[in-house]
């Protein structure tokens, strides 16, 4: 998964609803953020960040903010500071879903809005890779099962996990292949199957009957793109997932 800045509104001052507190979370950690509107003055403060005393004035005037958020959380926002604050300022407090037991039955209740705000890092190379693989808009074959499908049923799948790939590897068109949404992409991504010597092979053998049968249907299928620059990525995939289950 990509680095994601998750924004949660955790507190609204009852006496002064214009003051709100948030938690910003990313893969590296989290940090608190307080924002407020006092007349025409827009203020902010990051909890635990040594900015000196008091609030910082204006949401859009602090050049440090994006770097600070990235440093503390491992993620940041792509919009301008003013747009970011305008968006999260509209958030409302939400409650956690509740599951309660009533006799033999469970009931699910949820109050408040169902959407929240997250700010993602965009995979800048992904649209180009998708266009390279599927941009003709015609039927394309799944690299694993060989079934020809319209592009909407195919994933631009990374052979080597994108999170483990270098910046140069991410730009390499040989790191991706089209895989179908009907099982092949998930089985490959999660290390149930791999490709060795150009053939689909099993990596894990501890699944349910359905998984075992699904995998058996794919074993021995030829993957023509194996014999080329993609070999190094297929080798990484097999080693990584075998190490994971050992």
C-alpha atoms as a PDB file:
ATOM      1  CA  UNK A   1       0.000   0.000   0.000  1.00  0.00           C
ATOM      2  CA  UNK A   2       1.024   3.638  -0.582  1.00  0.00           C
ATOM      3  CA  UNK A   3       1.926   6.005   2.225  1.00  0.00           C
ATOM      4  CA  UNK A   4      -1.338   7.589   3.300  1.00  0.00           C
ATOM      5  CA  UNK A   5      -1.943  10.580   5.516  1.00  0.00           C
ATOM      6  CA  UNK A   6      -5.050   9.680   7.452  1.00  0.00           C
ATOM      7  CA  UNK A   7      -6.830  12.625   9.055  1.00  0.00           C
ATOM      8  CA  UNK A   8      -9.172  12.074  12.006  1.00  0.00           C
ATOM      9  CA  UNK A   9     -11.093  14.774  13.827  1.00  0.00           C
ATOM     10  CA  UNK A  10     -10.884  13.817  17.512  1.00  0.00           C
ATOM     11  CA  UNK A  11     -12.094  16.860  19.432  1.00  0.00           C
ATOM     12  CA  UNK A  12     -14.315  19.915  19.015  1.00  0.00           C
ATOM     13  CA  UNK A  13     -14.356  22.533  21.775  1.00  0.00           C
ATOM     14  CA  UNK A  14     -17.949  22.613  23.039  1.00  0.00           C
ATOM     15  CA  UNK A  15     -17.642  26.223  24.217  1.00  0.00           C
ATOM     16  CA  UNK A  16     -15.856  27.296  21.045  1.00  0.00           C
ATOM     17  CA  UNK A  17     -16.663  24.943  18.122  1.00  0.00           C
ATOM     18  CA  UNK A  18     -14.314  26.932  15.903  1.00  0.00           C
ATOM     19  CA  UNK A  19     -11.444  25.164  17.711  1.00  0.00           C
ATOM     20  CA  UNK A  20     -10.821  21.609  16.579  1.00  0.00           C
ATOM     21  CA  UNK A  21      -8.164  18.978  17.168  1.00  0.00           C
ATOM     22  CA  UNK A  22      -7.072  16.274  14.721  1.00  0.00           C
ATOM     23  CA  UNK A  23      -4.730  13.313  14.599  1.00  0.00           C
ATOM     24  CA  UNK A  24      -2.626  12.968  11.436  1.00  0.00           C
ATOM     25  CA  UNK A  25      -1.423   9.401  10.888  1.00  0.00           C
ATOM     26  CA  UNK A  26       1.038   7.880   8.455  1.00  0.00           C
ATOM     27  CA  UNK A  27       3.308   4.818   8.177  1.00  0.00           C
ATOM     28  CA  UNK A  28       5.952   6.420  10.429  1.00  0.00           C
ATOM     29  CA  UNK A  29       3.683   7.617  13.219  1.00  0.00           C
ATOM     30  CA  UNK A  30       1.140  10.247  14.161  1.00  0.00           C
ATOM     31  CA  UNK A  31       0.992  13.839  15.314  1.00  0.00           C
ATOM     32  CA  UNK A  32      -1.731  16.030  16.768  1.00  0.00           C
ATOM     33  CA  UNK A  33      -2.909  19.165  15.004  1.00  0.00           C
ATOM     34  CA  UNK A  34      -5.067  21.960  16.420  1.00  0.00           C
ATOM     35  CA  UNK A  35      -6.715  24.493  14.141  1.00  0.00           C
ATOM     36  CA  UNK A  36      -9.046  27.359  14.853  1.00  0.00           C
ATOM     37  CA  UNK A  37     -10.772  30.360  13.321  1.00  0.00           C
ATOM     38  CA  UNK A  38     -10.833  33.474  15.479  1.00  0.00           C
ATOM     39  CA  UNK A  39     -12.626  36.134  13.473  1.00  0.00           C
ATOM     40  CA  UNK A  40     -10.533  36.715  10.373  1.00  0.00           C
ATOM     41  CA  UNK A  41      -7.486  34.965  11.872  1.00  0.00           C
ATOM     42  CA  UNK A  42      -6.833  31.346  10.992  1.00  0.00           C
ATOM     43  CA  UNK A  43      -4.560  29.619  13.472  1.00  0.00           C
ATOM     44  CA  UNK A  44      -2.836  26.273  13.854  1.00  0.00           C
ATOM     45  CA  UNK A  45      -0.594  24.416  16.257  1.00  0.00           C
ATOM     46  CA  UNK A  46       0.985  20.962  16.075  1.00  0.00           C
ATOM     47  CA  UNK A  47       0.894  19.064  19.348  1.00  0.00           C
ATOM     48  CA  UNK A  48       4.361  18.253  20.658  1.00  0.00           C
ATOM     49  CA  UNK A  49       6.158  20.183  17.915  1.00  0.00           C
ATOM     50  CA  UNK A  50       8.565  22.820  19.221  1.00  0.00           C
ATOM     51  CA  UNK A  51       7.345  25.927  17.404  1.00  0.00           C
ATOM     52  CA  UNK A  52       7.752  28.185  20.380  1.00  0.00           C
ATOM     53  CA  UNK A  53       4.895  29.570  22.416  1.00  0.00           C
ATOM     54  CA  UNK A  54       1.270  29.895  21.315  1.00  0.00           C
ATOM     55  CA  UNK A  55      -0.447  29.389  18.013  1.00  0.00           C
ATOM     56  CA  UNK A  56       0.998  29.878  14.570  1.00  0.00           C
ATOM     57  CA  UNK A  57      -0.956  32.452  12.585  1.00  0.00           C
ATOM     58  CA  UNK A  58      -2.471  31.680   9.159  1.00  0.00           C
ATOM     59  CA  UNK A  59      -2.936  28.230   7.719  1.00  0.00           C
ATOM     60  CA  UNK A  60      -1.256  29.008   4.416  1.00  0.00           C
ATOM     61  CA  UNK A  61       1.690  31.060   5.586  1.00  0.00           C
ATOM     62  CA  UNK A  62       3.798  28.407   7.319  1.00  0.00           C
ATOM     63  CA  UNK A  63       6.316  26.901   4.914  1.00  0.00           C
ATOM     64  CA  UNK A  64       7.436  24.282   7.445  1.00  0.00           C
ATOM     65  CA  UNK A  65       4.104  22.509   7.685  1.00  0.00           C
ATOM     66  CA  UNK A  66       4.349  19.976   4.851  1.00  0.00           C
ATOM     67  CA  UNK A  67       7.881  18.970   5.818  1.00  0.00           C
ATOM     68  CA  UNK A  68       6.914  18.657   9.486  1.00  0.00           C
ATOM     69  CA  UNK A  69       3.921  16.450   8.683  1.00  0.00           C
ATOM     70  CA  UNK A  70       6.112  14.268   6.447  1.00  0.00           C
ATOM     71  CA  UNK A  71       8.840  14.038   9.092  1.00  0.00           C
ATOM     72  CA  UNK A  72       6.483  13.008  11.887  1.00  0.00           C
ATOM     73  CA  UNK A  73       4.112  10.713   9.954  1.00  0.00           C
ATOM     74  CA  UNK A  74       5.920   9.546   6.810  1.00  0.00           C
ATOM     75  CA  UNK A  75       3.152  11.022   4.635  1.00  0.00           C
ATOM     76  CA  UNK A  76       1.924  14.464   3.655  1.00  0.00           C
ATOM     77  CA  UNK A  77      -0.763  16.240   1.664  1.00  0.00           C
ATOM     78  CA  UNK A  78      -0.546  17.137  -2.016  1.00  0.00           C
ATOM     79  CA  UNK A  79      -2.940  20.085  -2.078  1.00  0.00           C
ATOM     80  CA  UNK A  80      -2.011  23.588  -0.998  1.00  0.00           C
ATOM     81  CA  UNK A  81      -1.994  24.263   2.736  1.00  0.00           C
ATOM     82  CA  UNK A  82      -5.046  26.499   2.520  1.00  0.00           C
ATOM     83  CA  UNK A  83      -7.034  23.899   0.547  1.00  0.00           C
ATOM     84  CA  UNK A  84      -5.980  21.155   2.948  1.00  0.00           C
ATOM     85  CA  UNK A  85      -7.188  23.100   5.988  1.00  0.00           C
ATOM     86  CA  UNK A  86     -10.392  24.199   4.322  1.00  0.00           C
ATOM     87  CA  UNK A  87     -11.188  20.555   3.560  1.00  0.00           C
ATOM     88  CA  UNK A  88     -10.453  19.083   6.973  1.00  0.00           C
ATOM     89  CA  UNK A  89     -12.128  22.001   8.754  1.00  0.00           C
ATOM     90  CA  UNK A  90     -15.436  20.783   7.281  1.00  0.00           C
ATOM     91  CA  UNK A  91     -15.031  17.360   8.927  1.00  0.00           C
ATOM     92  CA  UNK A  92     -17.429  16.289  11.646  1.00  0.00           C
ATOM     93  CA  UNK A  93     -16.851  14.064  14.635  1.00  0.00           C
ATOM     94  CA  UNK A  94     -17.741  10.473  13.855  1.00  0.00           C
ATOM     95  CA  UNK A  95     -18.364   7.577  16.166  1.00  0.00           C
ATOM     96  CA  UNK A  96     -16.896   4.124  15.879  1.00  0.00           C
ATOM     97  CA  UNK A  97     -19.139   1.333  14.558  1.00  0.00           C
ATOM     98  CA  UNK A  98     -20.795  -0.670  17.324  1.00  0.00           C
ATOM     99  CA  UNK A  99     -21.534  -4.384  17.191  1.00  0.00           C
ATOM    100  CA  UNK A 100     -23.863  -5.539  19.952  1.00  0.00           C
ATOM    101  CA  UNK A 101     -25.067  -9.018  20.831  1.00  0.00           C
ATOM    102  CA  UNK A 102     -28.813  -9.552  21.092  1.00  0.00           C
ATOM    103  CA  UNK A 103     -29.415 -13.172  21.908  1.00  0.00           C
ATOM    104  CA  UNK A 104     -27.964 -15.225  19.064  1.00  0.00           C
ATOM    105  CA  UNK A 105     -27.895 -12.233  16.723  1.00  0.00           C
ATOM    106  CA  UNK A 106     -25.424  -9.388  16.309  1.00  0.00           C
ATOM    107  CA  UNK A 107     -26.510  -5.899  15.304  1.00  0.00           C
ATOM    108  CA  UNK A 108     -24.386  -3.245  13.626  1.00  0.00           C
ATOM    109  CA  UNK A 109     -24.917   0.452  14.327  1.00  0.00           C
ATOM    110  CA  UNK A 110     -22.992   3.456  13.061  1.00  0.00           C
ATOM    111  CA  UNK A 111     -23.653   7.123  13.668  1.00  0.00           C
ATOM    112  CA  UNK A 112     -22.333  10.169  11.866  1.00  0.00           C
ATOM    113  CA  UNK A 113     -20.974  10.630   8.326  1.00  0.00           C
ATOM    114  CA  UNK A 114     -19.653   7.595   6.468  1.00  0.00           C
ATOM    115  CA  UNK A 115     -16.841   9.421   4.680  1.00  0.00           C
ATOM    116  CA  UNK A 116     -13.655  10.828   6.137  1.00  0.00           C
ATOM    117  CA  UNK A 117     -10.740  12.728   4.650  1.00  0.00           C
ATOM    118  CA  UNK A 118      -7.504  11.025   3.674  1.00  0.00           C
ATOM    119  CA  UNK A 119      -4.668  12.534   1.689  1.00  0.00           C
ATOM    120  CA  UNK A 120      -2.702  10.094  -0.423  1.00  0.00           C
ATOM    121  CA  UNK A 121       0.640  10.054  -2.122  1.00  0.00           C
ATOM    122  CA  UNK A 122      -0.057   9.531  -5.819  1.00  0.00           C
ATOM    123  CA  UNK A 123       1.744   6.845  -7.800  1.00  0.00           C
ATOM    124  CA  UNK A 124       2.956   9.189 -10.505  1.00  0.00           C
ATOM    125  CA  UNK A 125       4.253   6.434 -12.779  1.00  0.00           C
ATOM    126  CA  UNK A 126       1.107   4.288 -12.555  1.00  0.00           C
ATOM    127  CA  UNK A 127      -1.029   5.996 -15.248  1.00  0.00           C
ATOM    128  CA  UNK A 128       1.842   5.654 -17.729  1.00  0.00           C
ATOM    129  CA  UNK A 129       2.364   1.975 -16.915  1.00  0.00           C
ATOM    130  CA  UNK A 130      -1.362   1.300 -17.274  1.00  0.00           C
ATOM    131  CA  UNK A 131      -1.435   3.070 -20.615  1.00  0.00           C
ATOM    132  CA  UNK A 132       1.612   1.065 -21.715  1.00  0.00           C
ATOM    133  CA  UNK A 133      -0.027  -2.263 -20.806  1.00  0.00           C
ATOM    134  CA  UNK A 134      -3.719  -1.612 -21.404  1.00  0.00           C
ATOM    135  CA  UNK A 135      -3.960   1.681 -23.270  1.00  0.00           C
ATOM    136  CA  UNK A 136      -5.177   0.225 -26.540  1.00  0.00           C
ATOM    137  CA  UNK A 137      -8.588  -0.401 -24.990  1.00  0.00           C
ATOM    138  CA  UNK A 138      -8.760  -3.858 -26.549  1.00  0.00           C
ATOM    139  CA  UNK A 139      -8.840  -7.317 -25.012  1.00  0.00           C
ATOM    140  CA  UNK A 140      -5.628  -8.171 -23.198  1.00  0.00           C
ATOM    141  CA  UNK A 141      -4.511 -11.508 -21.794  1.00  0.00           C
ATOM    142  CA  UNK A 142      -3.972 -12.080 -18.081  1.00  0.00           C
ATOM    143  CA  UNK A 143      -0.286 -12.921 -17.669  1.00  0.00           C
ATOM    144  CA  UNK A 144      -1.092 -15.795 -15.287  1.00  0.00           C
ATOM    145  CA  UNK A 145      -4.175 -17.622 -16.600  1.00  0.00           C
ATOM    146  CA  UNK A 146      -4.004 -16.354 -20.185  1.00  0.00           C
ATOM    147  CA  UNK A 147      -7.679 -15.344 -20.331  1.00  0.00           C
ATOM    148  CA  UNK A 148      -8.371 -12.437 -22.715  1.00  0.00           C
ATOM    149  CA  UNK A 149     -10.375  -9.735 -20.948  1.00  0.00           C
ATOM    150  CA  UNK A 150     -11.379  -6.071 -21.323  1.00  0.00           C
ATOM    151  CA  UNK A 151      -9.029  -3.665 -19.493  1.00  0.00           C
ATOM    152  CA  UNK A 152     -11.505  -3.002 -16.665  1.00  0.00           C
ATOM    153  CA  UNK A 153     -11.031  -6.599 -15.482  1.00  0.00           C
ATOM    154  CA  UNK A 154      -7.235  -6.385 -15.406  1.00  0.00           C
ATOM    155  CA  UNK A 155      -4.842  -5.015 -12.781  1.00  0.00           C
ATOM    156  CA  UNK A 156      -1.470  -3.474 -13.559  1.00  0.00           C
ATOM    157  CA  UNK A 157       0.240  -5.837 -11.123  1.00  0.00           C
ATOM    158  CA  UNK A 158       3.750  -5.377  -9.765  1.00  0.00           C
ATOM    159  CA  UNK A 159       5.898  -8.503  -9.923  1.00  0.00           C
ATOM    160  CA  UNK A 160       8.215  -7.083  -7.280  1.00  0.00           C
ATOM    161  CA  UNK A 161       6.264  -5.269  -4.590  1.00  0.00           C
ATOM    162  CA  UNK A 162       6.268  -1.573  -5.379  1.00  0.00           C
ATOM    163  CA  UNK A 163       6.997  -0.757  -1.722  1.00  0.00           C
ATOM    164  CA  UNK A 164      10.233  -2.794  -1.995  1.00  0.00           C
ATOM    165  CA  UNK A 165      11.264  -1.441  -5.401  1.00  0.00           C
ATOM    166  CA  UNK A 166      13.749   1.356  -5.964  1.00  0.00           C
ATOM    167  CA  UNK A 167      12.713   4.527  -7.740  1.00  0.00           C
ATOM    168  CA  UNK A 168      14.394   3.312 -10.935  1.00  0.00           C
ATOM    169  CA  UNK A 169      12.704  -0.097 -10.710  1.00  0.00           C
ATOM    170  CA  UNK A 170       9.315   1.574 -10.329  1.00  0.00           C
ATOM    171  CA  UNK A 171       9.886   3.312 -13.669  1.00  0.00           C
ATOM    172  CA  UNK A 172      10.766   0.031 -15.416  1.00  0.00           C
ATOM    173  CA  UNK A 173       7.896  -1.249 -17.563  1.00  0.00           C
ATOM    174  CA  UNK A 174       9.137  -4.822 -17.002  1.00  0.00           C
ATOM    175  CA  UNK A 175       8.192  -4.707 -13.311  1.00  0.00           C
ATOM    176  CA  UNK A 176       4.456  -4.872 -14.119  1.00  0.00           C
ATOM    177  CA  UNK A 177       2.158  -7.317 -15.903  1.00  0.00           C
ATOM    178  CA  UNK A 178      -1.608  -7.424 -16.527  1.00  0.00           C
ATOM    179  CA  UNK A 179      -3.304  -9.821 -14.105  1.00  0.00           C
ATOM    180  CA  UNK A 180      -7.014 -10.483 -13.859  1.00  0.00           C
ATOM    181  CA  UNK A 181      -9.294  -9.568 -10.988  1.00  0.00           C
ATOM    182  CA  UNK A 182     -10.719 -13.095 -10.879  1.00  0.00           C
ATOM    183  CA  UNK A 183      -8.082 -14.497  -8.563  1.00  0.00           C
ATOM    184  CA  UNK A 184      -4.747 -14.313 -10.374  1.00  0.00           C
ATOM    185  CA  UNK A 185      -3.693 -10.892  -9.098  1.00  0.00           C
ATOM    186  CA  UNK A 186      -4.528 -11.709  -5.458  1.00  0.00           C
ATOM    187  CA  UNK A 187      -2.922 -15.166  -5.537  1.00  0.00           C
ATOM    188  CA  UNK A 188       0.280 -13.731  -7.006  1.00  0.00           C
ATOM    189  CA  UNK A 189       0.397 -10.614  -4.840  1.00  0.00           C
ATOM    190  CA  UNK A 190      -0.054 -12.544  -1.589  1.00  0.00           C
ATOM    191  CA  UNK A 191       2.460 -15.213  -2.529  1.00  0.00           C
ATOM    192  CA  UNK A 192       0.250 -18.237  -3.129  1.00  0.00           C
ATOM    193  CA  UNK A 193       1.680 -18.727  -6.617  1.00  0.00           C
ATOM    194  CA  UNK A 194       4.853 -17.670  -8.405  1.00  0.00           C
ATOM    195  CA  UNK A 195       6.570 -18.085 -11.770  1.00  0.00           C
ATOM    196  CA  UNK A 196       9.679 -20.210 -12.250  1.00  0.00           C
ATOM    197  CA  UNK A 197      11.255 -21.190 -15.560  1.00  0.00           C
ATOM    198  CA  UNK A 198       8.295 -19.589 -17.302  1.00  0.00           C
ATOM    199  CA  UNK A 199       5.659 -21.724 -15.558  1.00  0.00           C
ATOM    200  CA  UNK A 200       3.173 -20.939 -12.797  1.00  0.00           C
ATOM    201  CA  UNK A 201       4.206 -22.836  -9.652  1.00  0.00           C
ATOM    202  CA  UNK A 202       2.738 -23.115  -6.134  1.00  0.00           C
ATOM    203  CA  UNK A 203       4.409 -21.308  -3.250  1.00  0.00           C
ATOM    204  CA  UNK A 204       1.896 -21.937  -0.457  1.00  0.00           C
ATOM    205  CA  UNK A 205      -0.002 -25.199  -0.033  1.00  0.00           C
ATOM    206  CA  UNK A 206      -1.969 -24.615   3.170  1.00  0.00           C
ATOM    207  CA  UNK A 207      -5.149 -23.090   1.776  1.00  0.00           C
ATOM    208  CA  UNK A 208      -8.785 -24.084   1.786  1.00  0.00           C
ATOM    209  CA  UNK A 209     -10.136 -26.603  -0.722  1.00  0.00           C
ATOM    210  CA  UNK A 210     -11.285 -23.746  -2.945  1.00  0.00           C
ATOM    211  CA  UNK A 211      -7.816 -22.176  -2.933  1.00  0.00           C
ATOM    212  CA  UNK A 212      -6.113 -25.498  -3.615  1.00  0.00           C
ATOM    213  CA  UNK A 213      -8.448 -26.156  -6.557  1.00  0.00           C
ATOM    214  CA  UNK A 214      -8.041 -22.612  -7.907  1.00  0.00           C
ATOM    215  CA  UNK A 215      -4.267 -22.833  -7.724  1.00  0.00           C
ATOM    216  CA  UNK A 216      -4.241 -26.285  -9.346  1.00  0.00           C
ATOM    217  CA  UNK A 217      -6.054 -24.814 -12.356  1.00  0.00           C
ATOM    218  CA  UNK A 218      -3.171 -22.383 -12.879  1.00  0.00           C
ATOM    219  CA  UNK A 219      -0.184 -24.647 -12.296  1.00  0.00           C
ATOM    220  CA  UNK A 220       1.970 -25.154 -15.360  1.00  0.00           C
ATOM    221  CA  UNK A 221       0.487 -22.203 -17.252  1.00  0.00           C
ATOM    222  CA  UNK A 222       3.132 -20.535 -19.404  1.00  0.00           C
ATOM    223  CA  UNK A 223       4.090 -16.930 -18.724  1.00  0.00           C
ATOM    224  CA  UNK A 224       5.931 -15.815 -21.880  1.00  0.00           C
ATOM    225  CA  UNK A 225       7.209 -12.558 -20.389  1.00  0.00           C
ATOM    226  CA  UNK A 226       9.255 -14.523 -17.839  1.00  0.00           C
ATOM    227  CA  UNK A 227      12.015 -15.077 -20.401  1.00  0.00           C
ATOM    228  CA  UNK A 228      13.331 -11.525 -20.511  1.00  0.00           C
ATOM    229  CA  UNK A 229      14.101  -8.492 -18.328  1.00  0.00           C
ATOM    230  CA  UNK A 230      11.288  -9.429 -15.931  1.00  0.00           C
ATOM    231  CA  UNK A 231      13.175 -12.526 -14.726  1.00  0.00           C
ATOM    232  CA  UNK A 232      14.918 -10.604 -11.965  1.00  0.00           C
ATOM    233  CA  UNK A 233      11.564  -9.466 -10.596  1.00  0.00           C
ATOM    234  CA  UNK A 234      10.037 -12.955 -10.727  1.00  0.00           C
ATOM    235  CA  UNK A 235      13.089 -14.277  -8.885  1.00  0.00           C
ATOM    236  CA  UNK A 236      12.652 -11.608  -6.192  1.00  0.00           C
ATOM    237  CA  UNK A 237       8.959 -12.535  -5.842  1.00  0.00           C
ATOM    238  CA  UNK A 238       9.696 -16.233  -5.323  1.00  0.00           C
ATOM    239  CA  UNK A 239      12.501 -15.647  -2.807  1.00  0.00           C
ATOM    240  CA  UNK A 240      10.551 -13.019  -0.867  1.00  0.00           C
ATOM    241  CA  UNK A 241       7.410 -15.091  -0.441  1.00  0.00           C
ATOM    242  CA  UNK A 242       9.216 -18.368   0.314  1.00  0.00           C
ATOM    243  CA  UNK A 243      11.188 -16.553   2.991  1.00  0.00           C
ATOM    244  CA  UNK A 244       7.941 -15.169   4.410  1.00  0.00           C
ATOM    245  CA  UNK A 245       6.361 -18.615   4.944  1.00  0.00           C
ATOM    246  CA  UNK A 246       9.524 -20.409   6.131  1.00  0.00           C
END
